[in-house]
C-alpha atoms as a PDB file:
ATOM      1  CA  MET A   1      36.225  59.220 147.750  1.00  0.00           C
ATOM      2  CA  ILE A   2      39.403  61.070 146.761  1.00  0.00           C
ATOM      3  CA  PHE A   3      39.406  62.608 143.290  1.00  0.00           C
ATOM      4  CA  PHE A   4      42.345  64.346 141.593  1.00  0.00           C
ATOM      5  CA  ASP A   5      41.020  66.187 138.552  1.00  0.00           C
ATOM      6  CA  ASP A   6      43.761  67.288 136.101  1.00  0.00           C
ATOM      7  CA  VAL A   7      46.050  68.373 138.948  1.00  0.00           C
ATOM      8  CA  TRP A   8      49.254  70.297 138.349  1.00  0.00           C
ATOM      9  CA  PHE A   9      51.532  71.554 141.106  1.00  0.00           C
ATOM     10  CA  GLU A  10      54.644  73.744 141.144  1.00  0.00           C
ATOM     11  CA  TYR A  11      56.927  74.688 144.016  1.00  0.00           C
ATOM     12  CA  GLU A  12      58.730  77.032 141.619  1.00  0.00           C
ATOM     13  CA  PRO A  13      57.195  78.779 138.568  1.00  0.00           C
ATOM     14  CA  ASN A  14      57.349  76.727 135.375  1.00  0.00           C
ATOM     15  CA  GLN A  15      58.801  73.699 137.191  1.00  0.00           C
ATOM     16  CA  PRO A  16      55.838  71.312 137.615  1.00  0.00           C
ATOM     17  CA  VAL A  17      56.218  68.539 140.174  1.00  0.00           C
ATOM     18  CA  LEU A  18      52.802  67.061 139.326  1.00  0.00           C
ATOM     19  CA  ARG A  19      51.544  67.094 135.745  1.00  0.00           C
ATOM     20  CA  ASN A  20      48.084  66.476 134.340  1.00  0.00           C
ATOM     21  CA  LEU A  21      47.275  64.038 137.138  1.00  0.00           C
ATOM     22  CA  SER A  22      43.790  62.536 137.345  1.00  0.00           C
ATOM     23  CA  LEU A  23      43.085  59.803 139.861  1.00  0.00           C
ATOM     24  CA  GLN A  24      40.207  58.378 141.908  1.00  0.00           C
ATOM     25  CA  ILE A  25      40.480  56.377 145.122  1.00  0.00           C
ATOM     26  CA  GLN A  26      37.297  54.790 146.446  1.00  0.00           C
ATOM     27  CA  PRO A  27      36.320  54.035 150.073  1.00  0.00           C
ATOM     28  CA  GLY A  28      37.692  50.669 151.153  1.00  0.00           C
ATOM     29  CA  GLU A  29      40.681  50.773 148.803  1.00  0.00           C
ATOM     30  CA  THR A  30      44.220  50.169 150.003  1.00  0.00           C
ATOM     31  CA  VAL A  31      46.632  51.830 147.589  1.00  0.00           C
ATOM     32  CA  ALA A  32      50.422  51.990 147.326  1.00  0.00           C
ATOM     33  CA  LEU A  33      51.871  55.082 145.693  1.00  0.00           C
ATOM     34  CA  MET A  34      55.210  54.131 144.170  1.00  0.00           C
ATOM     35  CA  GLY A  35      57.926  55.606 141.959  1.00  0.00           C
ATOM     36  CA  GLU A  36      61.493  56.881 141.979  1.00  0.00           C
ATOM     37  CA  ASN A  37      62.745  59.543 144.382  1.00  0.00           C
ATOM     38  CA  GLY A  38      61.402  62.892 143.241  1.00  0.00           C
ATOM     39  CA  ALA A  39      58.505  61.339 141.309  1.00  0.00           C
ATOM     40  CA  GLY A  40      55.977  63.455 143.227  1.00  0.00           C
ATOM     41  CA  LYS A  41      54.566  60.804 145.572  1.00  0.00           C
ATOM     42  CA  THR A  42      54.683  62.758 148.846  1.00  0.00           C
ATOM     43  CA  THR A  43      53.678  65.941 147.023  1.00  0.00           C
ATOM     44  CA  LEU A  44      50.563  64.184 145.761  1.00  0.00           C
ATOM     45  CA  ALA A  45      49.774  62.794 149.221  1.00  0.00           C
ATOM     46  CA  LYS A  46      50.054  66.230 150.843  1.00  0.00           C
ATOM     47  CA  HIS A  47      47.274  67.485 148.569  1.00  0.00           C
ATOM     48  CA  ILE A  48      44.802  65.131 150.251  1.00  0.00           C
ATOM     49  CA  ASN A  49      44.994  66.783 153.681  1.00  0.00           C
ATOM     50  CA  GLY A  50      45.433  70.289 152.292  1.00  0.00           C
ATOM     51  CA  LEU A  51      49.079  70.783 153.209  1.00  0.00           C
ATOM     52  CA  LEU A  52      49.491  71.647 149.523  1.00  0.00           C
ATOM     53  CA  LYS A  53      46.954  73.145 147.112  1.00  0.00           C
ATOM     54  CA  PRO A  54      46.973  72.523 143.343  1.00  0.00           C
ATOM     55  CA  THR A  55      48.551  75.103 141.072  1.00  0.00           C
ATOM     56  CA  ARG A  56      45.988  73.983 138.519  1.00  0.00           C
ATOM     57  CA  GLY A  57      43.134  71.489 138.694  1.00  0.00           C
ATOM     58  CA  THR A  58      41.170  70.334 141.727  1.00  0.00           C
ATOM     59  CA  VAL A  59      41.418  67.792 144.539  1.00  0.00           C
ATOM     60  CA  TYR A  60      38.160  66.628 146.085  1.00  0.00           C
ATOM     61  CA  LEU A  61      37.803  64.778 149.401  1.00  0.00           C
ATOM     62  CA  GLU A  62      34.302  63.356 149.766  1.00  0.00           C
ATOM     63  CA  GLY A  63      33.108  65.879 147.187  1.00  0.00           C
ATOM     64  CA  VAL A  64      34.688  68.861 148.973  1.00  0.00           C
ATOM     65  CA  ASP A  65      37.232  71.024 147.130  1.00  0.00           C
ATOM     66  CA  THR A  66      40.378  71.002 149.303  1.00  0.00           C
ATOM     67  CA  ARG A  67      41.277  74.516 148.110  1.00  0.00           C
ATOM     68  CA  LYS A  68      38.161  75.798 149.880  1.00  0.00           C
ATOM     69  CA  THR A  69      38.702  73.821 153.094  1.00  0.00           C
ATOM     70  CA  SER A  70      41.196  74.486 155.886  1.00  0.00           C
ATOM     71  CA  THR A  71      43.929  71.995 156.724  1.00  0.00           C
ATOM     72  CA  ALA A  72      42.507  71.783 160.268  1.00  0.00           C
ATOM     73  CA  GLN A  73      39.130  70.672 158.912  1.00  0.00           C
ATOM     74  CA  LEU A  74      40.715  68.135 156.577  1.00  0.00           C
ATOM     75  CA  ALA A  75      42.878  66.794 159.413  1.00  0.00           C
ATOM     76  CA  ARG A  76      39.752  65.512 161.150  1.00  0.00           C
ATOM     77  CA  LYS A  77      39.287  63.094 158.259  1.00  0.00           C
ATOM     78  CA  VAL A  78      42.848  62.534 157.035  1.00  0.00           C
ATOM     79  CA  GLY A  79      45.641  61.096 159.163  1.00  0.00           C
ATOM     80  CA  PHE A  80      49.177  61.585 157.821  1.00  0.00           C
ATOM     81  CA  VAL A  81      52.307  59.897 159.151  1.00  0.00           C
ATOM     82  CA  PHE A  82      55.370  61.642 157.731  1.00  0.00           C
ATOM     83  CA  GLN A  83      58.476  59.844 156.528  1.00  0.00           C
ATOM     84  CA  ASN A  84      60.514  61.688 159.160  1.00  0.00           C
ATOM     85  CA  ALA A  85      58.744  61.177 162.487  1.00  0.00           C
ATOM     86  CA  ASP A  86      60.578  64.111 164.074  1.00  0.00           C
ATOM     87  CA  HIS A  87      58.501  66.457 161.919  1.00  0.00           C
ATOM     88  CA  GLN A  88      55.347  65.607 163.873  1.00  0.00           C
ATOM     89  CA  LEU A  89      56.451  64.751 167.418  1.00  0.00           C
ATOM     90  CA  PHE A  90      56.328  67.525 170.006  1.00  0.00           C
ATOM     91  CA  ALA A  91      54.802  66.370 173.335  1.00  0.00           C
ATOM     92  CA  ASP A  92      56.695  65.839 176.604  1.00  0.00           C
ATOM     93  CA  THR A  93      55.799  62.147 176.942  1.00  0.00           C
ATOM     94  CA  LEU A  94      54.664  59.279 174.751  1.00  0.00           C
ATOM     95  CA  GLN A  95      51.309  59.168 176.536  1.00  0.00           C
ATOM     96  CA  ALA A  96      50.708  62.854 175.812  1.00  0.00           C
ATOM     97  CA  GLU A  97      51.811  62.436 172.193  1.00  0.00           C
ATOM     98  CA  ILE A  98      49.377  59.627 171.448  1.00  0.00           C
ATOM     99  CA  GLY A  99      46.548  61.261 173.378  1.00  0.00           C
ATOM    100  CA  PHE A 100      46.889  64.702 171.771  1.00  0.00           C
ATOM    101  CA  GLY A 101      44.665  64.099 168.744  1.00  0.00           C
ATOM    102  CA  LEU A 102      42.077  62.280 170.831  1.00  0.00           C
ATOM    103  CA  ARG A 103      41.810  65.191 173.268  1.00  0.00           C
ATOM    104  CA  ASN A 104      41.427  67.663 170.396  1.00  0.00           C
ATOM    105  CA  LEU A 105      38.554  65.577 169.054  1.00  0.00           C
ATOM    106  CA  ASN A 106      36.882  65.569 172.492  1.00  0.00           C
ATOM    107  CA  PHE A 107      37.110  61.867 173.227  1.00  0.00           C
ATOM    108  CA  SER A 108      36.219  60.924 176.807  1.00  0.00           C
ATOM    109  CA  LYS A 109      39.024  60.369 179.311  1.00  0.00           C
ATOM    110  CA  GLU A 110      38.151  56.676 179.487  1.00  0.00           C
ATOM    111  CA  GLU A 111      38.341  56.283 175.708  1.00  0.00           C
ATOM    112  CA  ILE A 112      41.602  58.258 175.548  1.00  0.00           C
ATOM    113  CA  ASP A 113      43.199  56.106 178.252  1.00  0.00           C
ATOM    114  CA  GLU A 114      42.025  52.896 176.569  1.00  0.00           C
ATOM    115  CA  ARG A 115      43.334  53.869 173.126  1.00  0.00           C
ATOM    116  CA  VAL A 116      46.631  55.259 174.412  1.00  0.00           C
ATOM    117  CA  ASN A 117      47.318  52.037 176.300  1.00  0.00           C
ATOM    118  CA  ARG A 118      46.200  49.890 173.364  1.00  0.00           C
ATOM    119  CA  PHE A 119      48.519  51.602 170.886  1.00  0.00           C
ATOM    120  CA  LEU A 120      51.441  51.774 173.301  1.00  0.00           C
ATOM    121  CA  THR A 121      51.093  47.994 173.598  1.00  0.00           C
ATOM    122  CA  LEU A 122      50.571  47.415 169.870  1.00  0.00           C
ATOM    123  CA  PHE A 123      53.809  49.213 168.987  1.00  0.00           C
ATOM    124  CA  GLU A 124      55.759  47.906 172.012  1.00  0.00           C
ATOM    125  CA  LEU A 125      56.270  51.346 173.556  1.00  0.00           C
ATOM    126  CA  THR A 126      54.632  50.866 176.967  1.00  0.00           C
ATOM    127  CA  LYS A 127      57.882  50.877 178.940  1.00  0.00           C
ATOM    128  CA  TYR A 128      58.688  54.329 177.532  1.00  0.00           C
ATOM    129  CA  GLN A 129      55.263  55.861 178.134  1.00  0.00           C
ATOM    130  CA  ASP A 130      56.482  58.530 180.586  1.00  0.00           C
ATOM    131  CA  GLN A 131      59.622  59.423 178.629  1.00  0.00           C
ATOM    132  CA  SER A 132      60.235  62.149 176.069  1.00  0.00           C
ATOM    133  CA  PRO A 133      59.690  61.002 172.476  1.00  0.00           C
ATOM    134  CA  PHE A 134      63.111  62.397 171.590  1.00  0.00           C
ATOM    135  CA  LEU A 135      64.866  59.852 173.803  1.00  0.00           C
ATOM    136  CA  LEU A 136      63.620  57.056 171.550  1.00  0.00           C
ATOM    137  CA  SER A 137      65.528  55.451 168.698  1.00  0.00           C
ATOM    138  CA  GLY A 138      64.642  56.341 165.122  1.00  0.00           C
ATOM    139  CA  GLY A 139      62.551  53.199 164.672  1.00  0.00           C
ATOM    140  CA  GLU A 140      60.744  53.760 167.968  1.00  0.00           C
ATOM    141  CA  ARG A 141      59.948  57.382 167.045  1.00  0.00           C
ATOM    142  CA  LYS A 142      58.501  56.102 163.769  1.00  0.00           C
ATOM    143  CA  ARG A 143      56.259  53.709 165.680  1.00  0.00           C
ATOM    144  CA  LEU A 144      55.181  56.490 168.020  1.00  0.00           C
ATOM    145  CA  ALA A 145      54.207  58.716 165.091  1.00  0.00           C
ATOM    146  CA  LEU A 146      52.209  55.818 163.666  1.00  0.00           C
ATOM    147  CA  ALA A 147      50.470  55.244 166.982  1.00  0.00           C
ATOM    148  CA  SER A 148      49.582  58.923 167.433  1.00  0.00           C
ATOM    149  CA  VAL A 149      47.813  59.022 164.060  1.00  0.00           C
ATOM    150  CA  LEU A 150      46.344  55.530 163.956  1.00  0.00           C
ATOM    151  CA  CYS A 151      44.666  55.819 167.368  1.00  0.00           C
ATOM    152  CA  VAL A 152      42.271  58.464 165.993  1.00  0.00           C
ATOM    153  CA  GLU A 153      41.154  55.988 163.307  1.00  0.00           C
ATOM    154  CA  PRO A 154      40.872  58.548 160.477  1.00  0.00           C
ATOM    155  CA  GLN A 155      38.702  57.965 157.402  1.00  0.00           C
ATOM    156  CA  VAL A 156      41.764  58.406 155.183  1.00  0.00           C
ATOM    157  CA  LEU A 157      45.142  57.210 156.423  1.00  0.00           C
ATOM    158  CA  ILE A 158      48.357  58.193 154.631  1.00  0.00           C
ATOM    159  CA  LEU A 159      51.597  56.469 155.629  1.00  0.00           C
ATOM    160  CA  ASP A 160      54.801  57.850 154.092  1.00  0.00           C
ATOM    161  CA  GLU A 161      57.474  55.101 154.004  1.00  0.00           C
ATOM    162  CA  PRO A 162      55.972  53.324 157.062  1.00  0.00           C
ATOM    163  CA  THR A 163      58.417  50.386 157.014  1.00  0.00           C
ATOM    164  CA  GLN A 164      61.522  52.560 157.163  1.00  0.00           C
ATOM    165  CA  ALA A 165      63.690  51.552 160.170  1.00  0.00           C
ATOM    166  CA  GLN A 166      61.232  48.796 161.148  1.00  0.00           C
ATOM    167  CA  ASP A 167      62.253  45.174 161.701  1.00  0.00           C
ATOM    168  CA  ALA A 168      60.338  42.127 160.457  1.00  0.00           C
ATOM    169  CA  LEU A 169      58.227  41.842 163.623  1.00  0.00           C
ATOM    170  CA  GLN A 170      57.134  45.487 163.472  1.00  0.00           C
ATOM    171  CA  LYS A 171      56.335  45.153 159.778  1.00  0.00           C
ATOM    172  CA  GLN A 172      54.103  42.191 160.578  1.00  0.00           C
ATOM    173  CA  LYS A 173      52.336  44.172 163.321  1.00  0.00           C
ATOM    174  CA  LEU A 174      51.761  46.973 160.838  1.00  0.00           C
ATOM    175  CA  LEU A 175      50.359  44.474 158.315  1.00  0.00           C
ATOM    176  CA  ASP A 176      48.021  43.132 160.997  1.00  0.00           C
ATOM    177  CA  PHE A 177      46.785  46.652 161.717  1.00  0.00           C
ATOM    178  CA  ILE A 178      46.322  47.373 158.007  1.00  0.00           C
ATOM    179  CA  ALA A 179      44.269  44.191 157.646  1.00  0.00           C
ATOM    180  CA  SER A 180      42.044  45.394 160.489  1.00  0.00           C
ATOM    181  CA  PHE A 181      41.857  48.937 159.094  1.00  0.00           C
ATOM    182  CA  ARG A 182      40.737  47.622 155.690  1.00  0.00           C
ATOM    183  CA  LYS A 183      37.555  46.216 157.255  1.00  0.00           C
ATOM    184  CA  SER A 184      36.431  49.752 158.137  1.00  0.00           C
ATOM    185  CA  ASN A 185      35.745  50.755 154.496  1.00  0.00           C
ATOM    186  CA  HIS A 186      38.186  53.644 154.907  1.00  0.00           C
ATOM    187  CA  ILE A 187      40.997  54.611 152.511  1.00  0.00           C
ATOM    188  CA  LEU A 188      44.625  53.692 153.138  1.00  0.00           C
ATOM    189  CA  LEU A 189      47.403  55.221 151.030  1.00  0.00           C
ATOM    190  CA  LEU A 190      50.981  53.986 151.414  1.00  0.00           C
ATOM    191  CA  VAL A 191      53.837  56.002 149.950  1.00  0.00           C
ATOM    192  CA  THR A 192      56.530  53.361 149.728  1.00  0.00           C
ATOM    193  CA  HIS A 193      59.514  51.872 147.908  1.00  0.00           C
ATOM    194  CA  ASP A 194      59.076  48.576 149.789  1.00  0.00           C
ATOM    195  CA  VAL A 195      57.727  46.291 147.066  1.00  0.00           C
ATOM    196  CA  GLU A 196      57.729  43.215 149.313  1.00  0.00           C
ATOM    197  CA  PHE A 197      55.522  45.052 151.844  1.00  0.00           C
ATOM    198  CA  ALA A 198      53.240  46.431 149.130  1.00  0.00           C
ATOM    199  CA  VAL A 199      52.529  42.907 147.860  1.00  0.00           C
ATOM    200  CA  LYS A 200      51.087  41.994 151.257  1.00  0.00           C
ATOM    201  CA  ALA A 201      49.484  45.304 152.233  1.00  0.00           C
ATOM    202  CA  VAL A 202      47.575  46.719 149.256  1.00  0.00           C
ATOM    203  CA  ASP A 203      45.146  45.766 146.514  1.00  0.00           C
ATOM    204  CA  ARG A 204      46.158  48.535 144.093  1.00  0.00           C
ATOM    205  CA  ILE A 205      49.379  50.258 143.062  1.00  0.00           C
ATOM    206  CA  VAL A 206      49.625  53.689 141.458  1.00  0.00           C
ATOM    207  CA  VAL A 207      53.008  54.487 139.877  1.00  0.00           C
ATOM    208  CA  LEU A 208      54.377  57.975 139.288  1.00  0.00           C
ATOM    209  CA  SER A 209      57.388  59.052 137.277  1.00  0.00           C
ATOM    210  CA  GLN A 210      58.515  62.671 136.944  1.00  0.00           C
ATOM    211  CA  GLY A 211      55.178  63.862 138.294  1.00  0.00           C
ATOM    212  CA  GLU A 212      53.022  61.883 135.874  1.00  0.00           C
ATOM    213  CA  LEU A 213      50.862  58.839 136.458  1.00  0.00           C
ATOM    214  CA  ILE A 214      52.394  56.052 134.353  1.00  0.00           C
ATOM    215  CA  ALA A 215      50.604  52.947 135.672  1.00  0.00           C
ATOM    216  CA  ASP A 216      47.640  51.963 137.827  1.00  0.00           C
ATOM    217  CA  GLY A 217      46.645  48.382 138.577  1.00  0.00           C
ATOM    218  CA  THR A 218      46.802  45.415 140.903  1.00  0.00           C
ATOM    219  CA  PRO A 219      50.085  44.429 142.577  1.00  0.00           C
ATOM    220  CA  ARG A 220      50.381  41.525 140.139  1.00  0.00           C
ATOM    221  CA  GLN A 221      49.841  43.730 137.086  1.00  0.00           C
ATOM    222  CA  ILE A 222      52.359  46.338 138.235  1.00  0.00           C
ATOM    223  CA  LEU A 223      55.075  44.406 140.061  1.00  0.00           C
ATOM    224  CA  SER A 224      55.466  41.715 137.397  1.00  0.00           C
ATOM    225  CA  ASN A 225      55.788  44.285 134.601  1.00  0.00           C
ATOM    226  CA  LEU A 226      59.511  44.891 134.286  1.00  0.00           C
ATOM    227  CA  SER A 227      59.149  47.790 131.842  1.00  0.00           C
ATOM    228  CA  ILE A 228      56.965  49.766 134.266  1.00  0.00           C
ATOM    229  CA  LEU A 229      59.313  49.010 137.152  1.00  0.00           C
ATOM    230  CA  GLU A 230      62.372  50.013 135.148  1.00  0.00           C
ATOM    231  CA  ARG A 231      60.770  53.310 134.158  1.00  0.00           C
ATOM    232  CA  ALA A 232      59.910  53.997 137.807  1.00  0.00           C
ATOM    233  CA  ARG A 233      63.343  52.790 138.992  1.00  0.00           C
ATOM    234  CA  LEU A 234      61.825  50.077 141.175  1.00  0.00           C
ATOM    235  CA  LEU A 235      63.093  46.539 141.669  1.00  0.00           C
ATOM    236  CA  PRO A 236      60.528  43.729 141.393  1.00  0.00           C
ATOM    237  CA  PRO A 237      59.868  41.546 144.442  1.00  0.00           C
ATOM    238  CA  GLN A 238      62.499  38.854 144.905  1.00  0.00           C
ATOM    239  CA  LEU A 239      60.131  36.033 143.924  1.00  0.00           C
ATOM    240  CA  THR A 240      59.203  37.890 140.756  1.00  0.00           C
ATOM    241  CA  GLN A 241      62.911  38.296 139.919  1.00  0.00           C
ATOM    242  CA  PHE A 242      63.327  34.560 140.522  1.00  0.00           C
ATOM    243  CA  ALA A 243      60.374  33.801 138.218  1.00  0.00           C
ATOM    244  CA  HIS A 244      61.725  35.902 135.358  1.00  0.00           C
ATOM    245  CA  GLN A 245      65.192  34.351 135.628  1.00  0.00           C
ATOM    246  CA  LEU A 246      63.764  30.834 135.730  1.00  0.00           C
ATOM    247  CA  ALA A 247      61.521  31.563 132.743  1.00  0.00           C
ATOM    248  CA  GLU A 248      64.657  32.250 130.674  1.00  0.00           C
ATOM    249  CA  HIS A 249      65.436  28.531 131.014  1.00  0.00           C
ATOM    250  CA  GLU A 250      61.876  27.201 131.265  1.00  0.00           C
ATOM    251  CA  PRO A 251      59.515  29.312 129.107  1.00  0.00           C
ATOM    252  CA  ARG A 252      56.437  27.659 130.631  1.00  0.00           C
ATOM    253  CA  PHE A 253      57.255  29.080 134.050  1.00  0.00           C
ATOM    254  CA  PRO A 254      54.899  31.983 135.029  1.00  0.00           C
ATOM    255  CA  THR A 255      56.571  35.360 135.510  1.00  0.00           C
ATOM    256  CA  ASP A 256      53.878  37.087 137.576  1.00  0.00           C
ATOM    257  CA  LEU A 257      54.562  35.291 140.872  1.00  0.00           C
ATOM    258  CA  LEU A 258      54.317  37.357 144.049  1.00  0.00           C
ATOM    259  CA  THR A 259      54.199  34.850 146.914  1.00  0.00           C
ATOM    260  CA  LEU A 260      56.159  31.818 148.061  1.00  0.00           C
ATOM    261  CA  THR A 261      53.035  29.663 147.851  1.00  0.00           C
ATOM    262  CA  GLU A 262      52.613  30.585 144.176  1.00  0.00           C
ATOM    263  CA  ALA A 263      56.279  29.841 143.477  1.00  0.00           C
ATOM    264  CA  VAL A 264      56.129  26.397 145.103  1.00  0.00           C
ATOM    265  CA  LYS A 265      52.960  25.539 143.157  1.00  0.00           C
ATOM    266  CA  ALA A 266      54.519  26.649 139.860  1.00  0.00           C
ATOM    267  CA  VAL A 267      57.712  24.643 140.459  1.00  0.00           C
ATOM    268  CA  ASN A 268      55.689  21.510 141.319  1.00  0.00           C
ATOM    269  CA  GLN A 269      53.661  21.875 138.134  1.00  0.00           C
ATOM    270  CA  ILE A 270      56.804  22.119 136.019  1.00  0.00           C
ATOM    271  CA  LEU A 271      58.312  19.100 137.768  1.00  0.00           C
ATOM    272  CA  ARG A 272      55.157  17.015 137.172  1.00  0.00           C
ATOM    273  CA  ARG A 273      55.181  17.932 133.465  1.00  0.00           C
ATOM    274  CA  SER A 274      58.818  16.866 133.218  1.00  0.00           C
ATOM    275  CA  ARG A 275      58.230  13.342 134.516  1.00  0.00           C
END
């Protein structure tokens, strides 16, 4: 479990980036952390693996106070993929990059080889395996950073804007991996502005604004609530926008739609009532 207990954080004195934040995330939960730029999302996430320590309050990971635990120790349990992949890539080849964490955790050579090959294939990077990571495109470097963290299968996985620079096929592959990861009873935290991806990937959304928690609920509760989204400077999913616009002309039309299947069903119901 992750527990934020009345957490405040300041980079500069008297300029809090996180304010009075209390939050629990249970094993098995898949959570999207959303809000405007500068809301404190990445700052909050960096408290989980100890990259940042609270100015006030406490963060607990599995009952352990992160202020009293080294980042190296926390890194064995928490995998973090940064928004900018260049901040975490350093090896000479893609194979070495993906295998680095596995070697540090004393996996056998056979297991390292199997996982490296599996994740090179999953993220369509096999043909570059002997190249330098810095010869890759931005999207490919993002996939490499994902592979290097995901292959260790951490208990807590934090992905900061994972869909950035990814096409539809890569987003679907990431969704497939997330679906598999969710079966492990581990925690997945997505820091994202991608509301369409969040609808498919998570079962809970936590919304920050100016360092404060302003909403916490299911994707349907959050992404169909226009007042919450406006406060957090987020656009609703396209189908939800469609539902709200249609409801202006047909008040019986539901405004909390998130999927195409739901939209088709709602339209058919309205058409049947009109006959």
